[in-house]
Amino acid sequence: MSTKNTTAKEISTGELRIRLEAIAKANEYAGIDTLLSRGSDGFDWAQMTIESLRHLMEAAFQAGLDAAHSEGITQVVASEGEVYTEADQMVIDPAPQTINDEDEASRVGTHGIDNVWIPVGAGKYALIYTTWANATGWRKVPAIYTKQPGGIYELATWNEEGFDNNYMRPEAYPEALTWAINNA
């Protein structure tokens, strides 16, 4: 006797994306961390071998079969709006634990030409760098470093959410700087 679930169920495109991303992340296919378009060739194109692509498609197909069998999911329906997860909000480049000098600080993040390294107290420096949040836009991320013996700088604290700078919103830098001063 078959125990197959015969009740048809739907899955939204947002939930489907989350499940497919879990498959891609679990198998580390070409560094794919989101299936949302981010409007940048550096993020929206992934190089992978045909063999990796085949394995990824097989894993997705098997997940679909499993969902149909165990959950009765038989139809994908469009989400009303985009579905974001907590991971979509996180910045791609976390603040490094140590920085050797101002030159190294200028290379943190995904858009280093906008980085700012400034003193904010006795032996404390703020690094405000620009990077991309996983799927939701550019961020100005502030981090506080303390100067250690030997001349290296060690991370004291940082704002991992950063401040939204998508579309080059001018308020993002002052917000990040204010956070840095208040947390130095």
C-alpha atoms as a PDB file:
ATOM      1  CA  MET A   1       0.000   0.000   0.000  1.00  0.00           C
ATOM      2  CA  SER A   2       1.356   3.410  -0.972  1.00  0.00           C
ATOM      3  CA  THR A   3       1.797   6.141   1.657  1.00  0.00           C
ATOM      4  CA  LYS A   4       2.225   8.876  -0.925  1.00  0.00           C
ATOM      5  CA  ASN A   5       0.609  12.201  -0.023  1.00  0.00           C
ATOM      6  CA  THR A   6      -2.089  12.889  -2.613  1.00  0.00           C
ATOM      7  CA  THR A   7      -3.068  16.376  -1.405  1.00  0.00           C
ATOM      8  CA  ALA A   8      -1.649  18.991  -3.812  1.00  0.00           C
ATOM      9  CA  LYS A   9       0.271  21.827  -2.193  1.00  0.00           C
ATOM     10  CA  GLU A  10       1.907  24.984  -3.491  1.00  0.00           C
ATOM     11  CA  ILE A  11       5.301  26.489  -2.766  1.00  0.00           C
ATOM     12  CA  SER A  12       6.072  30.160  -3.350  1.00  0.00           C
ATOM     13  CA  THR A  13       8.957  31.242  -5.563  1.00  0.00           C
ATOM     14  CA  GLY A  14      10.490  32.881  -2.482  1.00  0.00           C
ATOM     15  CA  GLU A  15      10.460  29.641  -0.493  1.00  0.00           C
ATOM     16  CA  LEU A  16      11.732  27.774  -3.552  1.00  0.00           C
ATOM     17  CA  ARG A  17      14.667  30.219  -3.830  1.00  0.00           C
ATOM     18  CA  ILE A  18      15.565  29.624  -0.188  1.00  0.00           C
ATOM     19  CA  ARG A  19      15.527  25.851  -0.702  1.00  0.00           C
ATOM     20  CA  LEU A  20      17.584  26.070  -3.905  1.00  0.00           C
ATOM     21  CA  GLU A  21      20.122  28.361  -2.245  1.00  0.00           C
ATOM     22  CA  ALA A  22      20.496  25.827   0.566  1.00  0.00           C
ATOM     23  CA  ILE A  23      21.386  23.186  -2.044  1.00  0.00           C
ATOM     24  CA  ALA A  24      23.866  25.492  -3.792  1.00  0.00           C
ATOM     25  CA  LYS A  25      25.511  26.536  -0.506  1.00  0.00           C
ATOM     26  CA  ALA A  26      25.679  22.995   0.872  1.00  0.00           C
ATOM     27  CA  ASN A  27      27.627  21.825  -2.140  1.00  0.00           C
ATOM     28  CA  GLU A  28      29.624  25.063  -2.589  1.00  0.00           C
ATOM     29  CA  TYR A  29      28.830  25.465  -6.265  1.00  0.00           C
ATOM     30  CA  ALA A  30      30.954  28.300  -7.671  1.00  0.00           C
ATOM     31  CA  GLY A  31      30.555  30.361  -4.510  1.00  0.00           C
ATOM     32  CA  ILE A  32      26.838  30.942  -5.104  1.00  0.00           C
ATOM     33  CA  ASP A  33      25.444  32.471  -1.926  1.00  0.00           C
ATOM     34  CA  THR A  34      22.185  33.887  -3.259  1.00  0.00           C
ATOM     35  CA  LEU A  35      20.029  33.431  -6.324  1.00  0.00           C
ATOM     36  CA  LEU A  36      18.817  37.031  -6.182  1.00  0.00           C
ATOM     37  CA  SER A  37      20.120  39.403  -8.830  1.00  0.00           C
ATOM     38  CA  ARG A  38      22.428  42.018  -7.336  1.00  0.00           C
ATOM     39  CA  GLY A  39      22.909  44.178 -10.426  1.00  0.00           C
ATOM     40  CA  SER A  40      26.645  43.585 -10.697  1.00  0.00           C
ATOM     41  CA  ASP A  41      28.493  41.243 -13.055  1.00  0.00           C
ATOM     42  CA  GLY A  42      30.925  40.407 -10.271  1.00  0.00           C
ATOM     43  CA  PHE A  43      28.058  39.015  -8.200  1.00  0.00           C
ATOM     44  CA  ASP A  44      25.562  37.839 -10.833  1.00  0.00           C
ATOM     45  CA  TRP A  45      27.847  35.614 -12.919  1.00  0.00           C
ATOM     46  CA  ALA A  46      29.305  32.373 -11.653  1.00  0.00           C
ATOM     47  CA  GLN A  47      31.788  30.128 -13.401  1.00  0.00           C
ATOM     48  CA  MET A  48      31.294  26.426 -12.864  1.00  0.00           C
ATOM     49  CA  THR A  49      32.196  23.238 -14.623  1.00  0.00           C
ATOM     50  CA  ILE A  50      29.604  21.304 -16.581  1.00  0.00           C
ATOM     51  CA  GLU A  51      30.016  18.466 -14.086  1.00  0.00           C
ATOM     52  CA  SER A  52      29.242  20.858 -11.178  1.00  0.00           C
ATOM     53  CA  LEU A  53      26.240  22.229 -13.051  1.00  0.00           C
ATOM     54  CA  ARG A  54      24.953  18.706 -13.665  1.00  0.00           C
ATOM     55  CA  HIS A  55      25.387  17.789  -9.968  1.00  0.00           C
ATOM     56  CA  LEU A  56      23.603  20.982  -8.939  1.00  0.00           C
ATOM     57  CA  MET A  57      20.693  20.249 -11.279  1.00  0.00           C
ATOM     58  CA  GLU A  58      20.495  16.640 -10.076  1.00  0.00           C
ATOM     59  CA  ALA A  59      20.425  17.802  -6.440  1.00  0.00           C
ATOM     60  CA  ALA A  60      17.666  20.313  -7.211  1.00  0.00           C
ATOM     61  CA  PHE A  61      15.668  17.717  -9.150  1.00  0.00           C
ATOM     62  CA  GLN A  62      16.001  15.191  -6.303  1.00  0.00           C
ATOM     63  CA  ALA A  63      14.921  17.852  -3.785  1.00  0.00           C
ATOM     64  CA  GLY A  64      11.833  18.468  -5.950  1.00  0.00           C
ATOM     65  CA  LEU A  65      11.000  14.772  -6.035  1.00  0.00           C
ATOM     66  CA  ASP A  66      11.480  14.534  -2.271  1.00  0.00           C
ATOM     67  CA  ALA A  67       9.243  17.584  -1.672  1.00  0.00           C
ATOM     68  CA  ALA A  68       6.544  16.164  -3.937  1.00  0.00           C
ATOM     69  CA  HIS A  69       6.663  12.816  -2.178  1.00  0.00           C
ATOM     70  CA  SER A  70       7.040  13.856   1.458  1.00  0.00           C
ATOM     71  CA  GLU A  71       5.244  17.224   1.455  1.00  0.00           C
ATOM     72  CA  GLY A  72       2.832  16.851  -1.440  1.00  0.00           C
ATOM     73  CA  ILE A  73       4.201  19.993  -3.149  1.00  0.00           C
ATOM     74  CA  THR A  74       3.163  19.933  -6.781  1.00  0.00           C
ATOM     75  CA  GLN A  75       3.061  23.569  -7.898  1.00  0.00           C
ATOM     76  CA  VAL A  76       5.246  26.683  -7.722  1.00  0.00           C
ATOM     77  CA  VAL A  77       3.400  29.984  -7.442  1.00  0.00           C
ATOM     78  CA  ALA A  78       4.863  33.481  -7.747  1.00  0.00           C
ATOM     79  CA  SER A  79       5.477  35.339  -4.483  1.00  0.00           C
ATOM     80  CA  GLU A  80       3.699  38.655  -4.047  1.00  0.00           C
ATOM     81  CA  GLY A  81       6.995  40.375  -3.278  1.00  0.00           C
ATOM     82  CA  GLU A  82      10.619  39.398  -2.996  1.00  0.00           C
ATOM     83  CA  VAL A  83      11.374  37.183  -0.036  1.00  0.00           C
ATOM     84  CA  TYR A  84      14.513  38.146   1.851  1.00  0.00           C
ATOM     85  CA  THR A  85      16.219  36.116   4.516  1.00  0.00           C
ATOM     86  CA  GLU A  86      18.441  37.327   7.322  1.00  0.00           C
ATOM     87  CA  ALA A  87      21.446  36.186   5.298  1.00  0.00           C
ATOM     88  CA  ASP A  88      20.394  38.489   2.436  1.00  0.00           C
ATOM     89  CA  GLN A  89      20.929  41.477   4.725  1.00  0.00           C
ATOM     90  CA  MET A  90      24.439  40.517   5.881  1.00  0.00           C
ATOM     91  CA  VAL A  91      27.474  42.186   4.386  1.00  0.00           C
ATOM     92  CA  ILE A  92      29.695  40.047   2.172  1.00  0.00           C
ATOM     93  CA  ASP A  93      32.991  41.284   3.646  1.00  0.00           C
ATOM     94  CA  PRO A  94      33.068  41.155   7.456  1.00  0.00           C
ATOM     95  CA  ALA A  95      35.500  43.488   9.176  1.00  0.00           C
ATOM     96  CA  PRO A  96      38.882  41.718   9.421  1.00  0.00           C
ATOM     97  CA  GLN A  97      40.156  40.804  12.898  1.00  0.00           C
ATOM     98  CA  THR A  98      43.442  42.599  12.344  1.00  0.00           C
ATOM     99  CA  ILE A  99      44.741  45.288  10.017  1.00  0.00           C
ATOM    100  CA  ASN A 100      48.431  46.005   9.584  1.00  0.00           C
ATOM    101  CA  ASP A 101      48.232  49.593   8.350  1.00  0.00           C
ATOM    102  CA  GLU A 102      46.173  52.233   6.596  1.00  0.00           C
ATOM    103  CA  ASP A 103      47.080  50.807   3.193  1.00  0.00           C
ATOM    104  CA  GLU A 104      45.574  47.442   4.129  1.00  0.00           C
ATOM    105  CA  ALA A 105      42.479  49.220   5.460  1.00  0.00           C
ATOM    106  CA  SER A 106      41.980  50.782   2.026  1.00  0.00           C
ATOM    107  CA  ARG A 107      41.521  47.302   0.524  1.00  0.00           C
ATOM    108  CA  VAL A 108      38.800  46.034   2.881  1.00  0.00           C
ATOM    109  CA  GLY A 109      35.375  45.466   1.347  1.00  0.00           C
ATOM    110  CA  THR A 110      34.246  45.288  -2.239  1.00  0.00           C
ATOM    111  CA  HIS A 111      34.669  48.951  -3.133  1.00  0.00           C
ATOM    112  CA  GLY A 112      37.833  50.049  -1.325  1.00  0.00           C
ATOM    113  CA  ILE A 113      38.305  53.388  -3.080  1.00  0.00           C
ATOM    114  CA  ASP A 114      35.629  54.827  -0.794  1.00  0.00           C
ATOM    115  CA  ASN A 115      37.181  53.539   2.453  1.00  0.00           C
ATOM    116  CA  VAL A 116      38.006  55.994   5.238  1.00  0.00           C
ATOM    117  CA  TRP A 117      40.501  55.338   8.073  1.00  0.00           C
ATOM    118  CA  ILE A 118      40.415  57.996  10.794  1.00  0.00           C
ATOM    119  CA  PRO A 119      41.486  58.355  14.444  1.00  0.00           C
ATOM    120  CA  VAL A 120      38.512  58.481  16.813  1.00  0.00           C
ATOM    121  CA  GLY A 121      40.225  58.388  20.207  1.00  0.00           C
ATOM    122  CA  ALA A 122      43.430  57.466  21.999  1.00  0.00           C
ATOM    123  CA  GLY A 123      44.817  54.516  20.053  1.00  0.00           C
ATOM    124  CA  LYS A 124      41.465  53.936  18.356  1.00  0.00           C
ATOM    125  CA  TYR A 125      40.704  54.171  14.670  1.00  0.00           C
ATOM    126  CA  ALA A 126      37.516  53.907  12.687  1.00  0.00           C
ATOM    127  CA  LEU A 127      37.441  52.121   9.375  1.00  0.00           C
ATOM    128  CA  ILE A 128      34.403  52.964   7.296  1.00  0.00           C
ATOM    129  CA  TYR A 129      34.358  50.750   4.254  1.00  0.00           C
ATOM    130  CA  THR A 130      31.992  50.081   1.407  1.00  0.00           C
ATOM    131  CA  THR A 131      30.815  46.597   0.643  1.00  0.00           C
ATOM    132  CA  TRP A 132      27.828  44.766  -0.716  1.00  0.00           C
ATOM    133  CA  ALA A 133      25.154  43.215   1.466  1.00  0.00           C
ATOM    134  CA  ASN A 134      24.357  39.744   0.239  1.00  0.00           C
ATOM    135  CA  ALA A 135      21.357  40.651  -1.879  1.00  0.00           C
ATOM    136  CA  THR A 136      20.036  43.967  -0.715  1.00  0.00           C
ATOM    137  CA  GLY A 137      22.480  46.677  -1.753  1.00  0.00           C
ATOM    138  CA  TRP A 138      25.614  48.598  -0.896  1.00  0.00           C
ATOM    139  CA  ARG A 139      26.471  49.323   2.713  1.00  0.00           C
ATOM    140  CA  LYS A 140      28.817  51.673   4.523  1.00  0.00           C
ATOM    141  CA  VAL A 141      30.191  49.509   7.316  1.00  0.00           C
ATOM    142  CA  PRO A 142      31.937  51.081  10.329  1.00  0.00           C
ATOM    143  CA  ALA A 143      34.477  49.180  12.428  1.00  0.00           C
ATOM    144  CA  ILE A 144      36.569  50.295  15.396  1.00  0.00           C
ATOM    145  CA  TYR A 145      40.178  49.141  15.732  1.00  0.00           C
ATOM    146  CA  THR A 146      42.589  49.600  18.622  1.00  0.00           C
ATOM    147  CA  LYS A 147      46.320  49.974  18.037  1.00  0.00           C
ATOM    148  CA  GLN A 148      48.293  47.092  19.537  1.00  0.00           C
ATOM    149  CA  PRO A 149      51.984  46.837  20.438  1.00  0.00           C
ATOM    150  CA  GLY A 150      53.919  46.105  17.286  1.00  0.00           C
ATOM    151  CA  GLY A 151      51.820  48.464  15.202  1.00  0.00           C
ATOM    152  CA  ILE A 152      48.933  46.211  14.218  1.00  0.00           C
ATOM    153  CA  TYR A 153      45.306  47.185  14.714  1.00  0.00           C
ATOM    154  CA  GLU A 154      42.855  44.768  16.294  1.00  0.00           C
ATOM    155  CA  LEU A 155      39.088  44.807  15.733  1.00  0.00           C
ATOM    156  CA  ALA A 156      37.218  46.023  18.811  1.00  0.00           C
ATOM    157  CA  THR A 157      33.688  46.223  17.415  1.00  0.00           C
ATOM    158  CA  TRP A 158      31.840  46.713  14.147  1.00  0.00           C
ATOM    159  CA  ASN A 159      28.333  47.274  12.856  1.00  0.00           C
ATOM    160  CA  GLU A 160      27.742  44.152  10.776  1.00  0.00           C
ATOM    161  CA  GLU A 161      24.499  45.467   9.303  1.00  0.00           C
ATOM    162  CA  GLY A 162      26.185  48.605   8.098  1.00  0.00           C
ATOM    163  CA  PHE A 163      24.275  51.584   6.802  1.00  0.00           C
ATOM    164  CA  ASP A 164      22.391  51.416   3.537  1.00  0.00           C
ATOM    165  CA  ASN A 165      24.180  53.143   0.724  1.00  0.00           C
ATOM    166  CA  ASN A 166      22.276  51.618  -2.155  1.00  0.00           C
ATOM    167  CA  TYR A 167      21.836  54.156  -4.934  1.00  0.00           C
ATOM    168  CA  MET A 168      24.623  56.194  -3.280  1.00  0.00           C
ATOM    169  CA  ARG A 169      22.399  57.541  -0.532  1.00  0.00           C
ATOM    170  CA  PRO A 170      24.441  60.405   0.964  1.00  0.00           C
ATOM    171  CA  GLU A 171      23.263  59.814   4.547  1.00  0.00           C
ATOM    172  CA  ALA A 172      25.055  56.469   4.801  1.00  0.00           C
ATOM    173  CA  TYR A 173      28.535  57.886   5.469  1.00  0.00           C
ATOM    174  CA  PRO A 174      27.467  60.324   8.237  1.00  0.00           C
ATOM    175  CA  GLU A 175      25.390  57.553   9.846  1.00  0.00           C
ATOM    176  CA  ALA A 176      28.371  55.183   9.784  1.00  0.00           C
ATOM    177  CA  LEU A 177      30.710  57.870  11.131  1.00  0.00           C
ATOM    178  CA  THR A 178      28.273  58.759  13.933  1.00  0.00           C
ATOM    179  CA  TRP A 179      28.075  55.083  14.890  1.00  0.00           C
ATOM    180  CA  ALA A 180      31.884  54.858  14.900  1.00  0.00           C
ATOM    181  CA  ILE A 181      32.302  57.938  17.124  1.00  0.00           C
ATOM    182  CA  ASN A 182      29.615  56.745  19.533  1.00  0.00           C
ATOM    183  CA  ASN A 183      31.167  53.272  19.780  1.00  0.00           C
ATOM    184  CA  ALA A 184      34.861  54.231  19.943  1.00  0.00           C
END
